[in-house]
Structures are given as structure tokens and as C-alpha cells.
Amino acid sequence: QLRLFLRYDVSGLVVEVHDSGSGVPRV
């Protein structure tokens, strides 16, 4: 599975998507 994590605080909003695969994404 993947995990979606959202955090909102005084500095703003952070979105994180955690997976267990190898490799590094690139633009």
C-alpha cells in the first residue's frame, strides 16, 4: 500500500506520499 500524510500548521500544508518501492522519481 501507499500512505498519504497531510499536515497543516502555522507554516502551511505538507503533503507526503510514502511507498515501499525502489528508485527515485525525477522531473
mmCIF file of all heavy atoms, coordinates in Angstrom:
data_MODEL
# 
_entry.id   MODEL 
# 
loop_
_atom_site.group_PDB 
_atom_site.id 
_atom_site.type_symbol 
_atom_site.label_atom_id 
_atom_site.label_alt_id 
_atom_site.label_comp_id 
_atom_site.label_asym_id 
_atom_site.label_entity_id 
_atom_site.label_seq_id 
_atom_site.pdbx_PDB_ins_code 
_atom_site.Cartn_x 
_atom_site.Cartn_y 
_atom_site.Cartn_z 
_atom_site.occupancy 
_atom_site.B_iso_or_equiv 
_atom_site.pdbx_formal_charge 
_atom_site.auth_seq_id 
_atom_site.auth_comp_id 
_atom_site.auth_asym_id 
_atom_site.auth_atom_id 
_atom_site.pdbx_PDB_model_num 
ATOM 1   N N   . GLN A 1 1  ? 0.840  -1.192 0.000   1.00 0.00 ? 1  GLN A N   1 
ATOM 2   C CA  . GLN A 1 1  ? 0.000  0.000  0.000   1.00 0.00 ? 1  GLN A CA  1 
ATOM 3   C C   . GLN A 1 1  ? 0.877  1.245  0.000   1.00 0.00 ? 1  GLN A C   1 
ATOM 4   O O   . GLN A 1 1  ? 2.079  1.177  0.222   1.00 0.00 ? 1  GLN A O   1 
ATOM 5   C CB  . GLN A 1 1  ? -0.882 0.024  1.252   1.00 0.00 ? 1  GLN A CB  1 
ATOM 6   C CG  . GLN A 1 1  ? -1.858 -1.115 1.343   1.00 0.00 ? 1  GLN A CG  1 
ATOM 7   C CD  . GLN A 1 1  ? -2.695 -1.029 2.610   1.00 0.00 ? 1  GLN A CD  1 
ATOM 8   O OE1 . GLN A 1 1  ? -2.246 -0.523 3.644   1.00 0.00 ? 1  GLN A OE1 1 
ATOM 9   N NE2 . GLN A 1 1  ? -3.910 -1.528 2.538   1.00 0.00 ? 1  GLN A NE2 1 
ATOM 10  N N   . LEU A 1 2  ? 0.237  2.386  -0.221  1.00 0.00 ? 2  LEU A N   1 
ATOM 11  C CA  . LEU A 1 2  ? 0.912  3.663  -0.055  1.00 0.00 ? 2  LEU A CA  1 
ATOM 12  C C   . LEU A 1 2  ? 0.242  4.393  1.104   1.00 0.00 ? 2  LEU A C   1 
ATOM 13  O O   . LEU A 1 2  ? -0.884 4.088  1.473   1.00 0.00 ? 2  LEU A O   1 
ATOM 14  C CB  . LEU A 1 2  ? 0.874  4.506  -1.332  1.00 0.00 ? 2  LEU A CB  1 
ATOM 15  C CG  . LEU A 1 2  ? -0.473 5.032  -1.823  1.00 0.00 ? 2  LEU A CG  1 
ATOM 16  C CD1 . LEU A 1 2  ? -0.816 6.373  -1.188  1.00 0.00 ? 2  LEU A CD1 1 
ATOM 17  C CD2 . LEU A 1 2  ? -0.450 5.172  -3.324  1.00 0.00 ? 2  LEU A CD2 1 
ATOM 18  N N   . ARG A 1 3  ? 0.958  5.338  1.661   1.00 0.00 ? 3  ARG A N   1 
ATOM 19  C CA  . ARG A 1 3  ? 0.431  6.140  2.775   1.00 0.00 ? 3  ARG A CA  1 
ATOM 20  C C   . ARG A 1 3  ? 0.425  7.600  2.360   1.00 0.00 ? 3  ARG A C   1 
ATOM 21  O O   . ARG A 1 3  ? 1.455  8.128  1.921   1.00 0.00 ? 3  ARG A O   1 
ATOM 22  C CB  . ARG A 1 3  ? 1.306  5.956  4.005   1.00 0.00 ? 3  ARG A CB  1 
ATOM 23  C CG  . ARG A 1 3  ? 0.928  6.843  5.165   1.00 0.00 ? 3  ARG A CG  1 
ATOM 24  C CD  . ARG A 1 3  ? 1.909  6.607  6.319   1.00 0.00 ? 3  ARG A CD  1 
ATOM 25  N NE  . ARG A 1 3  ? 1.717  7.567  7.366   1.00 0.00 ? 3  ARG A NE  1 
ATOM 26  C CZ  . ARG A 1 3  ? 2.674  8.305  7.891   1.00 0.00 ? 3  ARG A CZ  1 
ATOM 27  N NH1 . ARG A 1 3  ? 3.915  8.192  7.450   1.00 0.00 ? 3  ARG A NH1 1 
ATOM 28  N NH2 . ARG A 1 3  ? 2.421  9.148  8.848   1.00 0.00 ? 3  ARG A NH2 1 
ATOM 29  N N   . LEU A 1 4  ? -0.731 8.237  2.496   1.00 0.00 ? 4  LEU A N   1 
ATOM 30  C CA  . LEU A 1 4  ? -0.859 9.668  2.252   1.00 0.00 ? 4  LEU A CA  1 
ATOM 31  C C   . LEU A 1 4  ? -0.928 10.362 3.606   1.00 0.00 ? 4  LEU A C   1 
ATOM 32  O O   . LEU A 1 4  ? -1.752 10.003 4.452   1.00 0.00 ? 4  LEU A O   1 
ATOM 33  C CB  . LEU A 1 4  ? -2.124 9.965  1.436   1.00 0.00 ? 4  LEU A CB  1 
ATOM 34  C CG  . LEU A 1 4  ? -2.489 11.437 1.261   1.00 0.00 ? 4  LEU A CG  1 
ATOM 35  C CD1 . LEU A 1 4  ? -1.388 12.213 0.541   1.00 0.00 ? 4  LEU A CD1 1 
ATOM 36  C CD2 . LEU A 1 4  ? -3.813 11.559 0.516   1.00 0.00 ? 4  LEU A CD2 1 
ATOM 37  N N   . PHE A 1 5  ? -0.055 11.322 3.799   1.00 0.00 ? 5  PHE A N   1 
ATOM 38  C CA  . PHE A 1 5  ? 0.059  12.036 5.058   1.00 0.00 ? 5  PHE A CA  1 
ATOM 39  C C   . PHE A 1 5  ? -0.116 13.524 4.780   1.00 0.00 ? 5  PHE A C   1 
ATOM 40  O O   . PHE A 1 5  ? 0.570  14.076 3.913   1.00 0.00 ? 5  PHE A O   1 
ATOM 41  C CB  . PHE A 1 5  ? 1.445  11.751 5.654   1.00 0.00 ? 5  PHE A CB  1 
ATOM 42  C CG  . PHE A 1 5  ? 1.729  12.445 6.941   1.00 0.00 ? 5  PHE A CG  1 
ATOM 43  C CD1 . PHE A 1 5  ? 1.263  11.924 8.139   1.00 0.00 ? 5  PHE A CD1 1 
ATOM 44  C CD2 . PHE A 1 5  ? 2.486  13.608 6.961   1.00 0.00 ? 5  PHE A CD2 1 
ATOM 45  C CE1 . PHE A 1 5  ? 1.542  12.568 9.331   1.00 0.00 ? 5  PHE A CE1 1 
ATOM 46  C CE2 . PHE A 1 5  ? 2.779  14.243 8.145   1.00 0.00 ? 5  PHE A CE2 1 
ATOM 47  C CZ  . PHE A 1 5  ? 2.296  13.719 9.338   1.00 0.00 ? 5  PHE A CZ  1 
ATOM 48  N N   . LEU A 1 6  ? -1.029 14.183 5.499   1.00 0.00 ? 6  LEU A N   1 
ATOM 49  C CA  . LEU A 1 6  ? -1.281 15.612 5.355   1.00 0.00 ? 6  LEU A CA  1 
ATOM 50  C C   . LEU A 1 6  ? -1.043 16.289 6.702   1.00 0.00 ? 6  LEU A C   1 
ATOM 51  O O   . LEU A 1 6  ? -1.533 15.813 7.731   1.00 0.00 ? 6  LEU A O   1 
ATOM 52  C CB  . LEU A 1 6  ? -2.725 15.872 4.920   1.00 0.00 ? 6  LEU A CB  1 
ATOM 53  C CG  . LEU A 1 6  ? -3.215 15.135 3.680   1.00 0.00 ? 6  LEU A CG  1 
ATOM 54  C CD1 . LEU A 1 6  ? -4.718 15.296 3.530   1.00 0.00 ? 6  LEU A CD1 1 
ATOM 55  C CD2 . LEU A 1 6  ? -2.491 15.635 2.443   1.00 0.00 ? 6  LEU A CD2 1 
ATOM 56  N N   . ARG A 1 7  ? -0.317 17.395 6.697   1.00 0.00 ? 7  ARG A N   1 
ATOM 57  C CA  . ARG A 1 7  ? -0.083 18.153 7.920   1.00 0.00 ? 7  ARG A CA  1 
ATOM 58  C C   . ARG A 1 7  ? -0.296 19.632 7.636   1.00 0.00 ? 7  ARG A C   1 
ATOM 59  O O   . ARG A 1 7  ? 0.308  20.194 6.719   1.00 0.00 ? 7  ARG A O   1 
ATOM 60  C CB  . ARG A 1 7  ? 1.325  17.935 8.447   1.00 0.00 ? 7  ARG A CB  1 
ATOM 61  C CG  . ARG A 1 7  ? 1.551  18.642 9.799   1.00 0.00 ? 7  ARG A CG  1 
ATOM 62  C CD  . ARG A 1 7  ? 2.961  18.490 10.306  1.00 0.00 ? 7  ARG A CD  1 
ATOM 63  N NE  . ARG A 1 7  ? 3.826  19.402 9.560   1.00 0.00 ? 7  ARG A NE  1 
ATOM 64  C CZ  . ARG A 1 7  ? 4.958  19.050 8.967   1.00 0.00 ? 7  ARG A CZ  1 
ATOM 65  N NH1 . ARG A 1 7  ? 5.382  17.822 8.990   1.00 0.00 ? 7  ARG A NH1 1 
ATOM 66  N NH2 . ARG A 1 7  ? 5.684  19.938 8.323   1.00 0.00 ? 7  ARG A NH2 1 
ATOM 67  N N   . TYR A 1 8  ? -1.171 20.252 8.448   1.00 0.00 ? 8  TYR A N   1 
ATOM 68  C CA  . TYR A 1 8  ? -1.442 21.686 8.311   1.00 0.00 ? 8  TYR A CA  1 
ATOM 69  C C   . TYR A 1 8  ? -1.104 22.362 9.627   1.00 0.00 ? 8  TYR A C   1 
ATOM 70  O O   . TYR A 1 8  ? -1.569 21.951 10.683  1.00 0.00 ? 8  TYR A O   1 
ATOM 71  C CB  . TYR A 1 8  ? -2.914 21.899 7.948   1.00 0.00 ? 8  TYR A CB  1 
ATOM 72  C CG  . TYR A 1 8  ? -3.329 23.339 7.908   1.00 0.00 ? 8  TYR A CG  1 
ATOM 73  C CD1 . TYR A 1 8  ? -2.713 24.235 7.043   1.00 0.00 ? 8  TYR A CD1 1 
ATOM 74  C CD2 . TYR A 1 8  ? -4.338 23.812 8.734   1.00 0.00 ? 8  TYR A CD2 1 
ATOM 75  C CE1 . TYR A 1 8  ? -3.092 25.568 7.000   1.00 0.00 ? 8  TYR A CE1 1 
ATOM 76  C CE2 . TYR A 1 8  ? -4.730 25.136 8.687   1.00 0.00 ? 8  TYR A CE2 1 
ATOM 77  C CZ  . TYR A 1 8  ? -4.113 26.015 7.826   1.00 0.00 ? 8  TYR A CZ  1 
ATOM 78  O OH  . TYR A 1 8  ? -4.486 27.330 7.790   1.00 0.00 ? 8  TYR A OH  1 
ATOM 79  N N   . ASP A 1 9  ? -0.259 23.392 9.556   1.00 0.00 ? 9  ASP A N   1 
ATOM 80  C CA  . ASP A 1 9  ? 0.082  24.156 10.752  1.00 0.00 ? 9  ASP A CA  1 
ATOM 81  C C   . ASP A 1 9  ? 0.318  25.609 10.351  1.00 0.00 ? 9  ASP A C   1 
ATOM 82  O O   . ASP A 1 9  ? 0.010  25.999 9.223   1.00 0.00 ? 9  ASP A O   1 
ATOM 83  C CB  . ASP A 1 9  ? 1.271  23.548 11.496  1.00 0.00 ? 9  ASP A CB  1 
ATOM 84  C CG  . ASP A 1 9  ? 2.544  23.482 10.655  1.00 0.00 ? 9  ASP A CG  1 
ATOM 85  O OD1 . ASP A 1 9  ? 2.689  24.275 9.696   1.00 0.00 ? 9  ASP A OD1 1 
ATOM 86  O OD2 . ASP A 1 9  ? 3.403  22.648 10.954  1.00 0.00 ? 9  ASP A OD2 1 
ATOM 87  N N   . VAL A 1 10 ? 0.876  26.377 11.252  1.00 0.00 ? 10 VAL A N   1 
ATOM 88  C CA  . VAL A 1 10 ? 1.042  27.809 11.000  1.00 0.00 ? 10 VAL A CA  1 
ATOM 89  C C   . VAL A 1 10 ? 1.937  28.105 9.802   1.00 0.00 ? 10 VAL A C   1 
ATOM 90  O O   . VAL A 1 10 ? 1.833  29.175 9.211   1.00 0.00 ? 10 VAL A O   1 
ATOM 91  C CB  . VAL A 1 10 ? 1.574  28.541 12.257  1.00 0.00 ? 10 VAL A CB  1 
ATOM 92  C CG1 . VAL A 1 10 ? 0.562  28.501 13.359  1.00 0.00 ? 10 VAL A CG1 1 
ATOM 93  C CG2 . VAL A 1 10 ? 2.892  27.971 12.713  1.00 0.00 ? 10 VAL A CG2 1 
ATOM 94  N N   . SER A 1 11 ? 2.812  27.190 9.439   1.00 0.00 ? 11 SER A N   1 
ATOM 95  C CA  . SER A 1 11 ? 3.698  27.446 8.304   1.00 0.00 ? 11 SER A CA  1 
ATOM 96  C C   . SER A 1 11 ? 3.093  27.034 6.969   1.00 0.00 ? 11 SER A C   1 
ATOM 97  O O   . SER A 1 11 ? 3.583  27.422 5.926   1.00 0.00 ? 11 SER A O   1 
ATOM 98  C CB  . SER A 1 11 ? 5.039  26.731 8.504   1.00 0.00 ? 11 SER A CB  1 
ATOM 99  O OG  . SER A 1 11 ? 4.849  25.341 8.530   1.00 0.00 ? 11 SER A OG  1 
ATOM 100 N N   . GLY A 1 12 ? 2.035  26.244 6.994   1.00 0.00 ? 12 GLY A N   1 
ATOM 101 C CA  . GLY A 1 12 ? 1.387  25.854 5.751   1.00 0.00 ? 12 GLY A CA  1 
ATOM 102 C C   . GLY A 1 12 ? 0.955  24.404 5.750   1.00 0.00 ? 12 GLY A C   1 
ATOM 103 O O   . GLY A 1 12 ? 0.728  23.804 6.801   1.00 0.00 ? 12 GLY A O   1 
ATOM 104 N N   . LEU A 1 13 ? 0.869  23.845 4.562   1.00 0.00 ? 13 LEU A N   1 
ATOM 105 C CA  . LEU A 1 13 ? 0.380  22.485 4.374   1.00 0.00 ? 13 LEU A CA  1 
ATOM 106 C C   . LEU A 1 13 ? 1.476  21.628 3.750   1.00 0.00 ? 13 LEU A C   1 
ATOM 107 O O   . LEU A 1 13 ? 2.114  22.042 2.780   1.00 0.00 ? 13 LEU A O   1 
ATOM 108 C CB  . LEU A 1 13 ? -0.843 22.494 3.459   1.00 0.00 ? 13 LEU A CB  1 
ATOM 109 C CG  . LEU A 1 13 ? -1.449 21.152 3.105   1.00 0.00 ? 13 LEU A CG  1 
ATOM 110 C CD1 . LEU A 1 13 ? -2.157 20.549 4.320   1.00 0.00 ? 13 LEU A CD1 1 
ATOM 111 C CD2 . LEU A 1 13 ? -2.428 21.294 1.963   1.00 0.00 ? 13 LEU A CD2 1 
ATOM 112 N N   . VAL A 1 14 ? 1.673  20.443 4.306   1.00 0.00 ? 14 VAL A N   1 
ATOM 113 C CA  . VAL A 1 14 ? 2.632  19.486 3.762   1.00 0.00 ? 14 VAL A CA  1 
ATOM 114 C C   . VAL A 1 14 ? 1.869  18.251 3.318   1.00 0.00 ? 14 VAL A C   1 
ATOM 115 O O   . VAL A 1 14 ? 1.016  17.744 4.048   1.00 0.00 ? 14 VAL A O   1 
ATOM 116 C CB  . VAL A 1 14 ? 3.694  19.087 4.820   1.00 0.00 ? 14 VAL A CB  1 
ATOM 117 C CG1 . VAL A 1 14 ? 4.616  17.999 4.272   1.00 0.00 ? 14 VAL A CG1 1 
ATOM 118 C CG2 . VAL A 1 14 ? 4.493  20.302 5.255   1.00 0.00 ? 14 VAL A CG2 1 
ATOM 119 N N   . VAL A 1 15 ? 2.163  17.777 2.126   1.00 0.00 ? 15 VAL A N   1 
ATOM 120 C CA  . VAL A 1 15 ? 1.608  16.547 1.571   1.00 0.00 ? 15 VAL A CA  1 
ATOM 121 C C   . VAL A 1 15 ? 2.775  15.581 1.419   1.00 0.00 ? 15 VAL A C   1 
ATOM 122 O O   . VAL A 1 15 ? 3.798  15.938 0.829   1.00 0.00 ? 15 VAL A O   1 
ATOM 123 C CB  . VAL A 1 15 ? 0.966  16.790 0.188   1.00 0.00 ? 15 VAL A CB  1 
ATOM 124 C CG1 . VAL A 1 15 ? 0.531  15.485 -0.455  1.00 0.00 ? 15 VAL A CG1 1 
ATOM 125 C CG2 . VAL A 1 15 ? -0.186 17.779 0.290   1.00 0.00 ? 15 VAL A CG2 1 
ATOM 126 N N   . GLU A 1 16 ? 2.626  14.359 1.944   1.00 0.00 ? 16 GLU A N   1 
ATOM 127 C CA  . GLU A 1 16 ? 3.653  13.332 1.760   1.00 0.00 ? 16 GLU A CA  1 
ATOM 128 C C   . GLU A 1 16 ? 2.990  12.057 1.280   1.00 0.00 ? 16 GLU A C   1 
ATOM 129 O O   . GLU A 1 16 ? 1.958  11.662 1.798   1.00 0.00 ? 16 GLU A O   1 
ATOM 130 C CB  . GLU A 1 16 ? 4.367  13.013 3.085   1.00 0.00 ? 16 GLU A CB  1 
ATOM 131 C CG  . GLU A 1 16 ? 5.284  14.070 3.571   1.00 0.00 ? 16 GLU A CG  1 
ATOM 132 C CD  . GLU A 1 16 ? 6.073  13.625 4.800   1.00 0.00 ? 16 GLU A CD  1 
ATOM 133 O OE1 . GLU A 1 16 ? 6.043  12.425 5.160   1.00 0.00 ? 16 GLU A OE1 1 
ATOM 134 O OE2 . GLU A 1 16 ? 6.713  14.494 5.407   1.00 0.00 ? 16 GLU A OE2 1 
ATOM 135 N N   . VAL A 1 17 ? 3.624  11.413 0.312   1.00 0.00 ? 17 VAL A N   1 
ATOM 136 C CA  . VAL A 1 17 ? 3.182  10.103 -0.153  1.00 0.00 ? 17 VAL A CA  1 
ATOM 137 C C   . VAL A 1 17 ? 4.340  9.141  0.072   1.00 0.00 ? 17 VAL A C   1 
ATOM 138 O O   . VAL A 1 17 ? 5.423  9.322  -0.475  1.00 0.00 ? 17 VAL A O   1 
ATOM 139 C CB  . VAL A 1 17 ? 2.755  10.133 -1.636  1.00 0.00 ? 17 VAL A CB  1 
ATOM 140 C CG1 . VAL A 1 17 ? 2.408  8.743  -2.118  1.00 0.00 ? 17 VAL A CG1 1 
ATOM 141 C CG2 . VAL A 1 17 ? 1.575  11.078 -1.825  1.00 0.00 ? 17 VAL A CG2 1 
ATOM 142 N N   . HIS A 1 18 ? 4.089  8.135  0.905   1.00 0.00 ? 18 HIS A N   1 
ATOM 143 C CA  . HIS A 1 18 ? 5.102  7.142  1.253   1.00 0.00 ? 18 HIS A CA  1 
ATOM 144 C C   . HIS A 1 18 ? 4.817  5.862  0.480   1.00 0.00 ? 18 HIS A C   1 
ATOM 145 O O   . HIS A 1 18 ? 3.668  5.410  0.436   1.00 0.00 ? 18 HIS A O   1 
ATOM 146 C CB  . HIS A 1 18 ? 5.052  6.817  2.744   1.00 0.00 ? 18 HIS A CB  1 
ATOM 147 C CG  . HIS A 1 18 ? 5.358  7.983  3.616   1.00 0.00 ? 18 HIS A CG  1 
ATOM 148 N ND1 . HIS A 1 18 ? 6.029  7.844  4.799   1.00 0.00 ? 18 HIS A ND1 1 
ATOM 149 C CD2 . HIS A 1 18 ? 5.092  9.312  3.499   1.00 0.00 ? 18 HIS A CD2 1 
ATOM 150 C CE1 . HIS A 1 18 ? 6.157  9.033  5.370   1.00 0.00 ? 18 HIS A CE1 1 
ATOM 151 N NE2 . HIS A 1 18 ? 5.594  9.930  4.599   1.00 0.00 ? 18 HIS A NE2 1 
ATOM 152 N N   . ASP A 1 19 ? 5.851  5.287  -0.119  1.00 0.00 ? 19 ASP A N   1 
ATOM 153 C CA  . ASP A 1 19 ? 5.717  3.986  -0.767  1.00 0.00 ? 19 ASP A CA  1 
ATOM 154 C C   . ASP A 1 19 ? 6.913  3.124  -0.404  1.00 0.00 ? 19 ASP A C   1 
ATOM 155 O O   . ASP A 1 19 ? 7.867  3.609  0.202   1.00 0.00 ? 19 ASP A O   1 
ATOM 156 C CB  . ASP A 1 19 ? 5.528  4.112  -2.283  1.00 0.00 ? 19 ASP A CB  1 
ATOM 157 C CG  . ASP A 1 19 ? 6.755  4.641  -2.997  1.00 0.00 ? 19 ASP A CG  1 
ATOM 158 O OD1 . ASP A 1 19 ? 7.861  4.093  -2.786  1.00 0.00 ? 19 ASP A OD1 1 
ATOM 159 O OD2 . ASP A 1 19 ? 6.628  5.593  -3.784  1.00 0.00 ? 19 ASP A OD2 1 
ATOM 160 N N   . SER A 1 20 ? 6.852  1.868  -0.748  1.00 0.00 ? 20 SER A N   1 
ATOM 161 C CA  . SER A 1 20 ? 7.937  0.949  -0.388  1.00 0.00 ? 20 SER A CA  1 
ATOM 162 C C   . SER A 1 20 ? 8.746  0.504  -1.596  1.00 0.00 ? 20 SER A C   1 
ATOM 163 O O   . SER A 1 20 ? 9.506  -0.453 -1.516  1.00 0.00 ? 20 SER A O   1 
ATOM 164 C CB  . SER A 1 20 ? 7.365  -0.273 0.342   1.00 0.00 ? 20 SER A CB  1 
ATOM 165 O OG  . SER A 1 20 ? 6.376  -0.885 -0.454  1.00 0.00 ? 20 SER A OG  1 
ATOM 166 N N   . GLY A 1 21 ? 8.614  1.207  -2.701  1.00 0.00 ? 21 GLY A N   1 
ATOM 167 C CA  . GLY A 1 21 ? 9.349  0.858  -3.903  1.00 0.00 ? 21 GLY A CA  1 
ATOM 168 C C   . GLY A 1 21 ? 10.740 1.450  -3.933  1.00 0.00 ? 21 GLY A C   1 
ATOM 169 O O   . GLY A 1 21 ? 11.072 2.360  -3.190  1.00 0.00 ? 21 GLY A O   1 
ATOM 170 N N   . SER A 1 22 ? 11.547 0.928  -4.828  1.00 0.00 ? 22 SER A N   1 
ATOM 171 C CA  . SER A 1 22 ? 12.898 1.451  -5.004  1.00 0.00 ? 22 SER A CA  1 
ATOM 172 C C   . SER A 1 22 ? 12.872 2.547  -6.062  1.00 0.00 ? 22 SER A C   1 
ATOM 173 O O   . SER A 1 22 ? 11.864 2.794  -6.704  1.00 0.00 ? 22 SER A O   1 
ATOM 174 C CB  . SER A 1 22 ? 13.846 0.329  -5.424  1.00 0.00 ? 22 SER A CB  1 
ATOM 175 O OG  . SER A 1 22 ? 13.408 -0.213 -6.650  1.00 0.00 ? 22 SER A OG  1 
ATOM 176 N N   . GLY A 1 23 ? 13.992 3.177  -6.246  1.00 0.00 ? 23 GLY A N   1 
ATOM 177 C CA  . GLY A 1 23 ? 14.103 4.203  -7.278  1.00 0.00 ? 23 GLY A CA  1 
ATOM 178 C C   . GLY A 1 23 ? 13.755 5.575  -6.738  1.00 0.00 ? 23 GLY A C   1 
ATOM 179 O O   . GLY A 1 23 ? 13.090 5.715  -5.719  1.00 0.00 ? 23 GLY A O   1 
ATOM 180 N N   . VAL A 1 24 ? 14.241 6.575  -7.440  1.00 0.00 ? 24 VAL A N   1 
ATOM 181 C CA  . VAL A 1 24 ? 13.990 7.965  -7.072  1.00 0.00 ? 24 VAL A CA  1 
ATOM 182 C C   . VAL A 1 24 ? 13.243 8.635  -8.216  1.00 0.00 ? 24 VAL A C   1 
ATOM 183 O O   . VAL A 1 24 ? 13.699 8.600  -9.355  1.00 0.00 ? 24 VAL A O   1 
ATOM 184 C CB  . VAL A 1 24 ? 15.320 8.703  -6.791  1.00 0.00 ? 24 VAL A CB  1 
ATOM 185 C CG1 . VAL A 1 24 ? 15.083 10.168 -6.491  1.00 0.00 ? 24 VAL A CG1 1 
ATOM 186 C CG2 . VAL A 1 24 ? 16.071 8.024  -5.660  1.00 0.00 ? 24 VAL A CG2 1 
ATOM 187 N N   . PRO A 1 25 ? 12.102 9.242  -7.933  1.00 0.00 ? 25 PRO A N   1 
ATOM 188 C CA  . PRO A 1 25 ? 11.364 9.912  -9.004  1.00 0.00 ? 25 PRO A CA  1 
ATOM 189 C C   . PRO A 1 25 ? 12.139 11.115 -9.537  1.00 0.00 ? 25 PRO A C   1 
ATOM 190 O O   . PRO A 1 25 ? 12.940 11.715 -8.826  1.00 0.00 ? 25 PRO A O   1 
ATOM 191 C CB  . PRO A 1 25 ? 10.067 10.357 -8.330  1.00 0.00 ? 25 PRO A CB  1 
ATOM 192 C CG  . PRO A 1 25 ? 10.252 10.186 -6.889  1.00 0.00 ? 25 PRO A CG  1 
ATOM 193 C CD  . PRO A 1 25 ? 11.441 9.335  -6.656  1.00 0.00 ? 25 PRO A CD  1 
ATOM 194 N N   . ARG A 1 26 ? 11.886 11.437 -10.790 1.00 0.00 ? 26 ARG A N   1 
ATOM 195 C CA  . ARG A 1 26 ? 12.567 12.577 -11.397 1.00 0.00 ? 26 ARG A CA  1 
ATOM 196 C C   . ARG A 1 26 ? 11.593 13.371 -12.250 1.00 0.00 ? 26 ARG A C   1 
ATOM 197 O O   . ARG A 1 26 ? 10.594 12.839 -12.737 1.00 0.00 ? 26 ARG A O   1 
ATOM 198 C CB  . ARG A 1 26 ? 13.743 12.108 -12.243 1.00 0.00 ? 26 ARG A CB  1 
ATOM 199 C CG  . ARG A 1 26 ? 13.344 11.242 -13.407 1.00 0.00 ? 26 ARG A CG  1 
ATOM 200 C CD  . ARG A 1 26 ? 14.556 10.725 -14.172 1.00 0.00 ? 26 ARG A CD  1 
ATOM 201 N NE  . ARG A 1 26 ? 14.149 9.803  -15.199 1.00 0.00 ? 26 ARG A NE  1 
ATOM 202 C CZ  . ARG A 1 26 ? 13.700 10.155 -16.400 1.00 0.00 ? 26 ARG A CZ  1 
ATOM 203 N NH1 . ARG A 1 26 ? 13.625 11.412 -16.726 1.00 0.00 ? 26 ARG A NH1 1 
ATOM 204 N NH2 . ARG A 1 26 ? 13.336 9.241  -17.273 1.00 0.00 ? 26 ARG A NH2 1 
ATOM 205 N N   . VAL A 1 27 ? 11.911 14.628 -12.417 1.00 0.00 ? 27 VAL A N   1 
ATOM 206 C CA  . VAL A 1 27 ? 11.113 15.511 -13.258 1.00 0.00 ? 27 VAL A CA  1 
ATOM 207 C C   . VAL A 1 27 ? 11.473 15.255 -14.709 1.00 0.00 ? 27 VAL A C   1 
ATOM 208 O O   . VAL A 1 27 ? 12.655 15.214 -15.057 1.00 0.00 ? 27 VAL A O   1 
ATOM 209 C CB  . VAL A 1 27 ? 11.359 16.991 -12.896 1.00 0.00 ? 27 VAL A CB  1 
ATOM 210 C CG1 . VAL A 1 27 ? 10.627 17.911 -13.853 1.00 0.00 ? 27 VAL A CG1 1 
ATOM 211 C CG2 . VAL A 1 27 ? 10.928 17.263 -11.467 1.00 0.00 ? 27 VAL A CG2 1 
# 
